[in-house]
Amino acid sequence: MKKKSYLSGVALLCLILSGCAETVPTTIPETTPAISTENIAKEEEPQTTIGNIIDLDGDGVPDEPVTKNVIPLTEPETTLPEETQPTQTEPVTTEPREARTQTPTSSNEETNPVVDLPTAPPTEPDTPEEETQPATTAVPANAVSISAEVSGTHYIGSSLGAADFTIKVTMDDGSTLTNPPGWYAAPLELTGETTVITVGYKDITGTVTVTATEKPTTPATEPETSEQAQSGAYTRIVREDGAILYDIGASVTVCVDAGHQAQGNSAKEPNAPGSEVLKTAVATGTSGVATGIAESVMNLNVALKLRDELLSRGYNVLMVRESQDVNITNITRALMGNTATICVHIHGNGVDNQSVHGTLCAVPTTANPYTTAICGDCTMLGLSIVNGICGKCGSQNRGLWGTDEMTTLNWATVPTTIIELGFMTNPDEDVLMNTESYQVLMAAGIVDGIDAYFAAN
């Protein structure tokens, strides 16, 4: 009886072992992710993270950074039946999950943003910046014709300004440009009843004929002779171009231009004859950092004293302006000066550095193609005047400034210089230059320089 029980137990054990062999898998279940060769190649590297941020559970909150492999290369086999196998921690899978909707806060958020997984819907590409900006009209490359109109009533002896012209340029695509940047016109002085003016743009030119008339005479036909200069009587004549001539019958006439005016003129005009470079017709100028006085006011005060000093020493004087309420472009000022023997433009200087001070004169350089005939005389005139002012007033002598950017110099045909009396951005020099007695000294120093220039020539 015992032997039969023993055999029955052995048979039962064999049946159990046979059933286990059929139910217990000998390989890793299919639900366990396979380790690719890429994973093996990175055996010693920590798991790759997304933008240096790990979010294993997909809740949008970053987990602690992983410092070792999440999936080991070898996984211990289990031989327990499936029914009795203990619950394991859910392995990391590569199945896609929904895109994050919350941006984690991190110290490296800007340099390492969280990137959506491939299942996230593609974002719309950013609109290129140029598409959001107002469209600009491209200027055609080739101009085929040019025409011009001159508006207003003009008198013989007067000069035209940029505002008098309406320039129309026809392009090869049929479009028309009105007063395009770079147009030019010359000559601008109306010397007779009709004047043919050449207008141009790039490589094309045209002409326009301007008709001028004699300026009507005013009821007051007698010239002013009541004012007297120290050297004797003079005749004050207001010319047709607006300049005021003080004539004492001398052989030399000095044109005095008080730079700027009460209101600037923002219209553009060529800064040299035939040049495509356009500059403001006349700027408003600077003002005193300590006194608050406008440069145009100081320039005029000195110019009026200079007029009197020149008359007292035997020069005719041509004044470009004697009041603030004028509108005279820089080209017109230069053309007025060209009717005199020499021309001086009175200005105050200004820079950002308030410690800078001193006197200088601006003259064209030897490289200036517009002033070749007068360059040497301009240099001598400027040097004589800056030496005369500094010798009379004791200001710092900053010498000559060679420049080819100034409209009043580029349009000059007689010896011309721009006198920078001093720096209105320097508090001490600003106060000094707006003192009556110092203005008299500056005027005397300018005439000392003019005397020296003519003595040497």
Protein backbone atom coordinates (compact mmCIF):
# COMPACT_ATOMS: atom_id res chain seq x y z
CA MET A 1 0.00 0.00 0.00
CA LYS A 2 2.83 2.37 0.83
CA LYS A 3 4.62 1.58 -2.40
CA LYS A 4 1.55 2.45 -4.43
CA SER A 5 1.25 5.81 -2.62
CA TYR A 6 4.92 6.58 -3.34
CA LEU A 7 4.48 5.89 -7.01
CA SER A 8 1.34 8.01 -7.14
CA GLY A 9 3.22 10.92 -5.56
CA VAL A 10 6.05 10.67 -8.10
CA ALA A 11 3.57 10.63 -10.95
CA LEU A 12 1.80 13.67 -9.56
CA LEU A 13 5.11 15.54 -9.23
CA CYS A 14 6.00 14.78 -12.87
CA LEU A 15 2.64 16.07 -14.03
CA ILE A 16 3.13 19.29 -12.10
CA LEU A 17 6.66 19.81 -13.47
CA SER A 18 5.45 19.12 -17.02
CA GLY A 19 2.68 21.75 -16.68
CA CYS A 20 5.10 24.37 -15.34
CA ALA A 21 7.40 23.88 -18.27
CA GLU A 22 4.58 24.73 -20.63
CA THR A 23 3.40 27.88 -18.83
CA VAL A 24 6.63 29.55 -17.69
CA PRO A 25 8.28 31.45 -20.58
CA THR A 26 11.98 31.05 -21.08
CA THR A 27 12.37 34.46 -22.77
CA ILE A 28 11.57 38.06 -21.84
CA PRO A 29 7.86 38.73 -22.51
CA GLU A 30 6.97 40.64 -25.66
CA THR A 31 5.79 43.56 -23.53
CA THR A 32 9.34 44.12 -22.32
CA PRO A 33 11.07 46.54 -24.71
CA ALA A 34 13.95 45.08 -26.61
CA ILE A 35 17.38 46.68 -26.17
CA SER A 36 18.68 47.84 -29.52
CA THR A 37 22.31 47.97 -30.56
CA GLU A 38 22.12 51.70 -30.04
CA ASN A 39 21.32 51.15 -26.35
CA ILE A 40 24.20 48.70 -26.07
CA ALA A 41 26.61 51.15 -27.62
CA LYS A 42 25.71 53.59 -24.84
CA GLU A 43 26.14 51.11 -21.99
CA GLU A 44 28.20 53.38 -19.84
CA GLU A 45 26.15 56.55 -20.62
CA PRO A 46 23.13 57.77 -18.64
CA GLN A 47 19.74 57.69 -20.36
CA THR A 48 19.28 60.50 -22.87
CA THR A 49 17.01 63.19 -21.52
CA ILE A 50 14.76 65.70 -23.34
CA GLY A 51 16.31 69.11 -23.07
CA ASN A 52 18.09 68.04 -19.84
CA ILE A 53 14.66 67.46 -18.22
CA ILE A 54 13.12 64.02 -17.44
CA ASP A 55 9.38 63.47 -17.21
CA LEU A 56 8.83 59.71 -17.01
CA ASP A 57 5.24 59.71 -15.79
CA GLY A 58 4.02 62.27 -18.38
CA ASP A 59 2.40 64.58 -15.84
CA GLY A 60 4.25 67.69 -17.12
CA VAL A 61 6.40 67.98 -13.95
CA PRO A 62 10.13 67.25 -14.33
CA ASP A 63 11.49 64.30 -12.36
CA GLU A 64 14.89 64.22 -10.76
CA PRO A 65 17.72 63.97 -13.33
CA VAL A 66 18.67 60.34 -14.11
CA THR A 67 22.30 59.54 -13.41
CA LYS A 68 22.28 55.85 -14.44
CA ASN A 69 20.67 53.64 -17.05
CA VAL A 70 16.99 53.01 -16.48
CA ILE A 71 17.02 49.74 -18.46
CA PRO A 72 19.84 47.33 -17.51
CA LEU A 73 21.52 45.34 -20.23
CA THR A 74 20.66 42.04 -18.53
CA GLU A 75 17.42 41.29 -16.86
CA PRO A 76 17.19 38.32 -14.45
CA GLU A 77 14.94 35.54 -15.65
CA THR A 78 12.13 34.47 -13.48
CA THR A 79 11.07 30.82 -13.27
CA LEU A 80 7.95 31.35 -11.21
CA PRO A 81 4.65 30.49 -12.82
CA GLU A 82 2.81 33.42 -14.31
CA GLU A 83 0.07 33.14 -11.70
CA THR A 84 2.50 33.45 -8.81
CA GLN A 85 4.98 35.98 -10.34
CA PRO A 86 5.27 39.07 -8.13
CA THR A 87 4.17 42.43 -9.48
CA GLN A 88 7.07 44.32 -11.11
CA THR A 89 7.63 48.03 -11.50
CA GLU A 90 6.31 49.17 -14.85
CA PRO A 91 9.26 49.37 -17.24
CA VAL A 92 10.17 52.50 -19.19
CA THR A 93 8.57 52.27 -22.62
CA THR A 94 9.22 54.12 -25.83
CA GLU A 95 5.53 54.36 -26.65
CA PRO A 96 4.62 57.98 -27.54
CA ARG A 97 2.63 60.04 -25.09
CA GLU A 98 0.63 63.20 -25.39
CA ALA A 99 2.42 66.51 -25.88
CA ARG A 100 3.04 68.49 -22.73
CA THR A 101 0.81 71.44 -22.12
CA GLN A 102 2.71 72.82 -19.15
CA THR A 103 6.17 74.35 -19.41
CA PRO A 104 8.32 73.33 -16.44
CA THR A 105 10.14 76.09 -14.58
CA SER A 106 13.88 75.53 -14.65
CA SER A 107 17.06 77.53 -14.31
CA ASN A 108 17.99 76.55 -17.86
CA GLU A 109 14.51 77.07 -19.30
CA GLU A 110 15.68 79.53 -21.96
CA THR A 111 18.67 77.57 -23.20
CA ASN A 112 17.12 74.10 -22.92
CA PRO A 113 13.39 74.25 -23.61
CA VAL A 114 11.19 71.17 -23.30
CA VAL A 115 10.60 69.65 -26.72
CA ASP A 116 7.30 67.96 -27.61
CA LEU A 117 7.40 64.29 -28.54
CA PRO A 118 6.76 63.27 -32.16
CA THR A 119 3.05 62.71 -31.48
CA ALA A 120 2.53 66.41 -30.75
CA PRO A 121 0.72 68.24 -33.56
CA PRO A 122 3.16 70.22 -35.74
CA THR A 123 3.32 73.90 -34.92
CA GLU A 124 2.72 76.52 -37.59
CA PRO A 125 6.01 78.04 -38.82
CA ASP A 126 6.73 81.57 -37.71
CA THR A 127 5.76 84.20 -40.24
CA PRO A 128 8.93 85.69 -41.75
CA GLU A 129 9.64 89.16 -40.42
CA GLU A 130 9.60 90.72 -43.85
CA GLU A 131 6.02 89.56 -44.41
CA THR A 132 4.77 91.40 -41.33
CA GLN A 133 6.40 94.68 -42.26
CA PRO A 134 4.90 97.18 -44.71
CA ALA A 135 5.86 96.36 -48.24
CA THR A 136 8.40 98.69 -49.77
CA THR A 137 8.42 99.75 -53.38
CA ALA A 138 11.62 98.82 -55.15
CA VAL A 139 13.13 101.60 -57.21
CA PRO A 140 13.58 100.49 -60.82
CA ALA A 141 17.17 100.31 -61.95
CA ASN A 142 16.99 102.26 -65.17
CA ALA A 143 15.76 105.80 -65.77
CA VAL A 144 14.86 106.65 -69.35
CA SER A 145 13.77 110.31 -69.26
CA ILE A 146 13.57 113.33 -66.97
CA SER A 147 11.44 116.48 -66.99
CA ALA A 148 11.20 119.46 -64.68
CA GLU A 149 8.86 122.28 -63.80
CA VAL A 150 9.75 125.46 -61.93
CA SER A 151 6.94 127.06 -59.97
CA GLY A 152 6.45 130.58 -58.74
CA THR A 153 7.37 134.04 -59.98
CA HIS A 154 11.06 134.78 -60.31
CA TYR A 155 13.05 137.92 -60.86
CA ILE A 156 16.25 138.57 -62.74
CA GLY A 157 19.21 138.29 -60.39
CA SER A 158 17.45 135.96 -57.97
CA SER A 159 18.35 132.33 -57.33
CA LEU A 160 16.24 129.19 -57.32
CA GLY A 161 16.04 126.73 -54.47
CA ALA A 162 15.22 123.02 -54.30
CA ALA A 163 11.63 123.81 -53.30
CA ASP A 164 11.06 125.61 -56.63
CA PHE A 165 11.53 122.43 -58.67
CA THR A 166 9.25 119.51 -59.46
CA ILE A 167 11.36 116.79 -61.01
CA LYS A 168 9.75 113.77 -62.71
CA VAL A 169 11.80 110.76 -63.78
CA THR A 170 10.29 108.06 -66.01
CA MET A 171 11.67 104.56 -65.44
CA ASP A 172 11.97 101.72 -67.94
CA ASP A 173 9.05 99.87 -66.36
CA GLY A 174 6.70 102.80 -66.98
CA SER A 175 6.68 104.09 -63.39
CA THR A 176 7.38 107.72 -62.52
CA LEU A 177 9.50 109.07 -59.66
CA THR A 178 8.86 112.58 -58.36
CA ASN A 179 11.83 114.48 -56.90
CA PRO A 180 13.81 111.25 -56.35
CA PRO A 181 16.86 111.43 -54.07
CA GLY A 182 19.95 112.38 -56.08
CA TRP A 183 18.42 114.78 -58.60
CA TYR A 184 20.27 118.02 -59.28
CA ALA A 185 19.87 121.30 -61.16
CA ALA A 186 22.33 123.97 -62.32
CA PRO A 187 22.75 126.86 -62.69
CA LEU A 188 20.34 128.22 -60.12
CA GLU A 189 21.02 131.93 -60.57
CA LEU A 190 18.65 133.71 -63.00
CA THR A 191 20.87 136.16 -64.85
CA GLY A 192 18.46 137.22 -67.61
CA GLU A 193 14.91 137.06 -68.83
CA THR A 194 15.34 133.39 -69.74
CA THR A 195 17.69 130.90 -68.20
CA VAL A 196 18.17 127.31 -69.40
CA ILE A 197 18.73 125.05 -66.41
CA THR A 198 20.11 121.55 -66.68
CA VAL A 199 18.44 118.95 -64.48
CA GLY A 200 19.75 115.45 -63.97
CA TYR A 201 19.26 112.13 -62.23
CA LYS A 202 21.86 109.37 -62.32
CA ASP A 203 23.03 109.11 -65.97
CA ILE A 204 20.22 111.07 -67.64
CA THR A 205 19.83 114.82 -68.05
CA GLY A 206 17.26 117.27 -69.36
CA THR A 207 16.66 121.00 -69.46
CA VAL A 208 14.02 123.44 -68.31
CA THR A 209 13.75 127.08 -69.34
CA VAL A 210 12.87 129.57 -66.61
CA THR A 211 11.52 133.00 -67.39
CA ALA A 212 12.40 135.86 -65.04
CA THR A 213 11.20 139.44 -64.94
CA GLU A 214 12.52 142.70 -63.58
CA LYS A 215 11.62 143.13 -59.96
CA PRO A 216 9.07 145.94 -59.51
CA THR A 217 10.44 149.08 -57.94
CA THR A 218 9.08 150.20 -54.61
CA PRO A 219 7.77 153.74 -53.96
CA ALA A 220 10.83 154.46 -51.85
CA THR A 221 13.34 155.10 -54.63
CA GLU A 222 15.86 157.05 -52.60
CA PRO A 223 18.59 154.85 -51.14
CA GLU A 224 19.25 155.00 -47.45
CA THR A 225 22.11 157.34 -46.70
CA SER A 226 21.25 158.44 -43.19
CA GLU A 227 23.44 155.86 -41.46
CA GLN A 228 27.12 156.72 -41.35
CA ALA A 229 30.20 154.52 -41.02
CA GLN A 230 33.38 155.79 -39.41
CA SER A 231 35.11 155.99 -42.77
CA GLY A 232 32.30 158.06 -44.33
CA ALA A 233 28.87 157.72 -45.86
CA TYR A 234 27.69 154.55 -47.51
CA THR A 235 24.70 153.58 -49.62
CA ARG A 236 22.51 150.74 -48.42
CA ILE A 237 20.97 148.80 -51.31
CA VAL A 238 18.62 145.83 -50.97
CA ARG A 239 19.35 143.69 -53.99
CA GLU A 240 16.82 141.63 -55.91
CA ASP A 241 18.15 138.39 -54.43
CA GLY A 242 17.52 139.77 -50.92
CA ALA A 243 21.15 140.49 -50.03
CA ILE A 244 21.90 143.94 -48.56
CA LEU A 245 24.85 145.82 -50.04
CA TYR A 246 26.64 148.56 -48.12
CA ASP A 247 28.53 150.40 -50.80
CA ILE A 248 31.19 152.96 -49.92
CA GLY A 249 32.81 152.84 -53.34
CA ALA A 250 35.62 150.49 -52.30
CA SER A 251 37.26 148.02 -54.70
CA VAL A 252 36.78 145.06 -52.34
CA THR A 253 33.45 143.72 -51.17
CA VAL A 254 33.24 141.26 -48.28
CA CYS A 255 30.16 139.06 -48.07
CA VAL A 256 29.09 138.33 -44.48
CA ASP A 257 26.71 135.42 -43.90
CA ALA A 258 25.25 134.99 -40.41
CA GLY A 259 24.76 131.23 -40.41
CA HIS A 260 21.33 129.63 -39.92
CA GLN A 261 18.04 131.49 -39.29
CA ALA A 262 15.05 131.45 -36.93
CA GLN A 263 13.47 128.39 -38.57
CA GLY A 264 15.34 125.70 -40.47
CA ASN A 265 14.35 124.46 -43.91
CA SER A 266 14.29 120.66 -44.14
CA ALA A 267 14.07 120.58 -47.93
CA LYS A 268 16.95 118.77 -49.62
CA GLU A 269 19.38 120.27 -52.10
CA PRO A 270 22.61 119.03 -53.74
CA ASN A 271 25.61 119.76 -51.55
CA ALA A 272 27.71 120.49 -54.65
CA PRO A 273 27.04 121.35 -58.32
CA GLY A 274 25.88 118.17 -60.08
CA SER A 275 26.23 116.06 -56.93
CA GLU A 276 23.76 113.30 -56.07
CA VAL A 277 24.46 113.88 -52.37
CA LEU A 278 21.55 115.79 -50.84
CA LYS A 279 21.69 117.82 -47.66
CA THR A 280 19.24 119.89 -45.66
CA ALA A 281 18.70 123.29 -47.27
CA VAL A 282 19.44 125.10 -43.99
CA ALA A 283 19.58 123.72 -40.46
CA THR A 284 18.45 125.48 -37.27
CA GLY A 285 21.89 125.28 -35.65
CA THR A 286 22.88 124.67 -32.04
CA SER A 287 22.26 126.74 -28.90
CA GLY A 288 24.22 127.86 -25.84
CA VAL A 289 24.50 125.23 -23.11
CA ALA A 290 24.70 127.96 -20.46
CA THR A 291 22.87 130.94 -22.01
CA GLY A 292 20.23 129.07 -24.02
CA ILE A 293 20.75 131.58 -26.83
CA ALA A 294 20.19 130.16 -30.33
CA GLU A 295 23.26 129.98 -32.56
CA SER A 296 21.44 131.90 -35.30
CA VAL A 297 20.95 134.83 -32.88
CA MET A 298 24.59 134.91 -31.79
CA ASN A 299 25.77 134.62 -35.40
CA LEU A 300 23.64 137.60 -36.42
CA ASN A 301 24.82 139.74 -33.49
CA VAL A 302 28.45 139.14 -34.43
CA ALA A 303 27.73 139.64 -38.16
CA LEU A 304 26.20 143.08 -37.56
CA LYS A 305 29.26 144.14 -35.56
CA LEU A 306 31.50 142.71 -38.27
CA ARG A 307 29.62 144.77 -40.87
CA ASP A 308 30.33 147.98 -38.97
CA GLU A 309 34.01 147.07 -38.45
CA LEU A 310 34.49 146.28 -42.15
CA LEU A 311 32.87 149.56 -43.21
CA SER A 312 35.07 151.46 -40.79
CA ARG A 313 38.17 149.95 -42.43
CA GLY A 314 37.16 150.78 -45.99
CA TYR A 315 35.42 147.62 -47.30
CA ASN A 316 32.10 147.35 -49.08
CA VAL A 317 29.91 144.85 -47.22
CA LEU A 318 27.30 142.47 -48.62
CA MET A 319 25.04 141.09 -45.87
CA VAL A 320 23.20 137.83 -46.58
CA ARG A 321 20.70 138.60 -43.82
CA GLU A 322 20.07 141.23 -41.16
CA SER A 323 17.12 139.61 -39.44
CA GLN A 324 16.04 136.23 -38.11
CA ASP A 325 12.83 136.03 -40.15
CA VAL A 326 14.28 134.82 -43.45
CA ASN A 327 14.37 131.60 -45.47
CA ILE A 328 17.68 131.43 -47.33
CA THR A 329 19.10 128.07 -48.36
CA ASN A 330 22.80 127.25 -48.16
CA ILE A 331 23.13 127.19 -51.96
CA THR A 332 21.57 130.66 -52.17
CA ARG A 333 23.95 131.93 -49.48
CA ALA A 334 26.90 130.61 -51.46
CA LEU A 335 25.63 132.17 -54.69
CA MET A 336 25.20 135.52 -52.93
CA GLY A 337 28.77 135.23 -51.67
CA ASN A 338 30.03 134.52 -55.18
CA THR A 339 29.05 138.08 -56.19
CA ALA A 340 31.55 139.53 -53.66
CA THR A 341 35.34 139.49 -53.53
CA ILE A 342 35.51 137.09 -50.59
CA CYS A 343 32.89 135.46 -48.36
CA VAL A 344 32.86 134.56 -44.66
CA HIS A 345 30.16 132.44 -42.97
CA ILE A 346 29.76 133.11 -39.22
CA HIS A 347 28.96 130.11 -37.00
CA GLY A 348 29.13 128.79 -33.45
CA ASN A 349 30.45 125.28 -32.85
CA GLY A 350 29.11 122.41 -30.77
CA VAL A 351 30.19 118.92 -29.68
CA ASP A 352 29.16 116.40 -27.01
CA ASN A 353 32.24 117.09 -24.87
CA GLN A 354 31.61 120.33 -22.92
CA SER A 355 35.30 120.77 -22.12
CA VAL A 356 36.22 121.39 -25.79
CA HIS A 357 36.74 125.07 -26.64
CA GLY A 358 38.55 127.27 -29.13
CA THR A 359 38.31 128.86 -32.57
CA LEU A 360 38.78 127.31 -36.00
CA CYS A 361 38.04 127.94 -39.67
CA ALA A 362 36.69 125.37 -42.15
CA VAL A 363 38.10 125.31 -45.70
CA PRO A 364 37.87 122.89 -48.66
CA THR A 365 40.65 120.34 -49.13
CA THR A 366 42.91 120.00 -52.17
CA ALA A 367 40.93 116.86 -53.12
CA ASN A 368 37.68 118.80 -53.54
CA PRO A 369 36.83 118.73 -57.27
CA TYR A 370 34.44 121.68 -56.97
CA THR A 371 36.86 124.22 -55.48
CA THR A 372 40.12 123.49 -57.29
CA ALA A 373 40.50 127.07 -58.53
CA ILE A 374 40.05 128.69 -55.10
CA CYS A 375 41.37 126.05 -52.69
CA GLY A 376 44.69 127.79 -52.00
CA ASP A 377 43.05 131.18 -51.43
CA CYS A 378 40.44 129.62 -49.12
CA THR A 379 43.23 128.13 -47.02
CA MET A 380 45.10 131.46 -46.79
CA LEU A 381 41.91 133.35 -45.92
CA GLY A 382 40.87 130.85 -43.22
CA LEU A 383 44.34 130.76 -41.67
CA SER A 384 44.61 134.56 -41.59
CA ILE A 385 41.20 134.93 -39.93
CA VAL A 386 41.65 132.23 -37.26
CA ASN A 387 45.00 133.78 -36.35
CA GLY A 388 43.40 137.24 -36.24
CA ILE A 389 40.58 136.17 -33.88
CA CYS A 390 42.81 134.23 -31.52
CA GLY A 391 45.36 137.03 -31.48
CA LYS A 392 42.70 139.59 -30.60
CA CYS A 393 40.58 137.53 -28.17
CA GLY A 394 43.07 135.07 -26.69
CA SER A 395 40.91 132.03 -27.53
CA GLN A 396 42.52 128.66 -28.21
CA ASN A 397 43.69 128.45 -31.83
CA ARG A 398 42.39 125.17 -33.27
CA GLY A 399 43.67 126.04 -36.77
CA LEU A 400 41.97 124.89 -39.96
CA TRP A 401 39.46 122.13 -40.54
CA GLY A 402 39.60 120.72 -44.06
CA THR A 403 36.20 119.44 -45.17
CA ASP A 404 34.46 118.74 -48.49
CA GLU A 405 31.00 118.15 -47.01
CA MET A 406 29.83 121.76 -46.59
CA THR A 407 27.38 123.09 -49.18
CA THR A 408 28.45 126.71 -48.75
CA LEU A 409 32.05 125.74 -49.51
CA ASN A 410 31.33 123.36 -52.40
CA TRP A 411 29.23 125.95 -54.26
CA ALA A 412 31.75 128.77 -53.73
CA THR A 413 33.62 130.33 -56.65
CA VAL A 414 35.41 133.04 -54.61
CA PRO A 415 37.73 132.60 -51.60
CA THR A 416 35.43 131.44 -48.78
CA THR A 417 35.72 130.14 -45.22
CA ILE A 418 33.38 129.08 -42.43
CA ILE A 419 34.37 130.74 -39.15
CA GLU A 420 33.60 128.66 -36.05
CA LEU A 421 33.93 131.38 -33.41
CA GLY A 422 33.89 129.01 -30.44
CA PHE A 423 31.97 126.18 -28.80
CA MET A 424 28.49 127.01 -27.54
CA THR A 425 28.58 123.60 -25.82
CA ASN A 426 31.35 124.88 -23.54
CA PRO A 427 29.65 126.83 -20.70
CA ASP A 428 32.41 129.41 -20.27
CA GLU A 429 32.91 130.03 -23.98
CA ASP A 430 29.14 130.18 -24.53
CA VAL A 431 28.77 132.98 -21.97
CA LEU A 432 31.82 134.80 -23.32
CA MET A 433 30.70 134.73 -26.98
CA ASN A 434 27.31 136.17 -26.03
CA THR A 435 28.90 139.13 -24.24
CA GLU A 436 28.68 142.43 -26.14
CA SER A 437 32.30 143.45 -25.56
CA TYR A 438 33.65 140.04 -26.61
CA GLN A 439 31.59 140.11 -29.81
CA VAL A 440 33.23 143.44 -30.67
CA LEU A 441 36.64 141.83 -30.14
CA MET A 442 35.76 138.85 -32.33
CA ALA A 443 34.58 141.15 -35.13
CA ALA A 444 37.81 143.15 -34.90
CA GLY A 445 39.87 139.95 -34.99
CA ILE A 446 38.07 138.78 -38.15
CA VAL A 447 38.84 142.06 -39.92
CA ASP A 448 42.47 141.84 -38.72
CA GLY A 449 42.65 138.51 -40.54
CA ILE A 450 41.00 139.91 -43.68
CA ASP A 451 43.47 142.81 -43.68
CA ALA A 452 46.36 140.33 -43.41
CA TYR A 453 44.96 138.21 -46.25
CA PHE A 454 44.72 141.12 -48.68
CA ALA A 455 48.11 142.44 -47.57
CA ALA A 456 49.66 139.10 -48.55
CA ASN A 457 47.80 138.99 -51.87
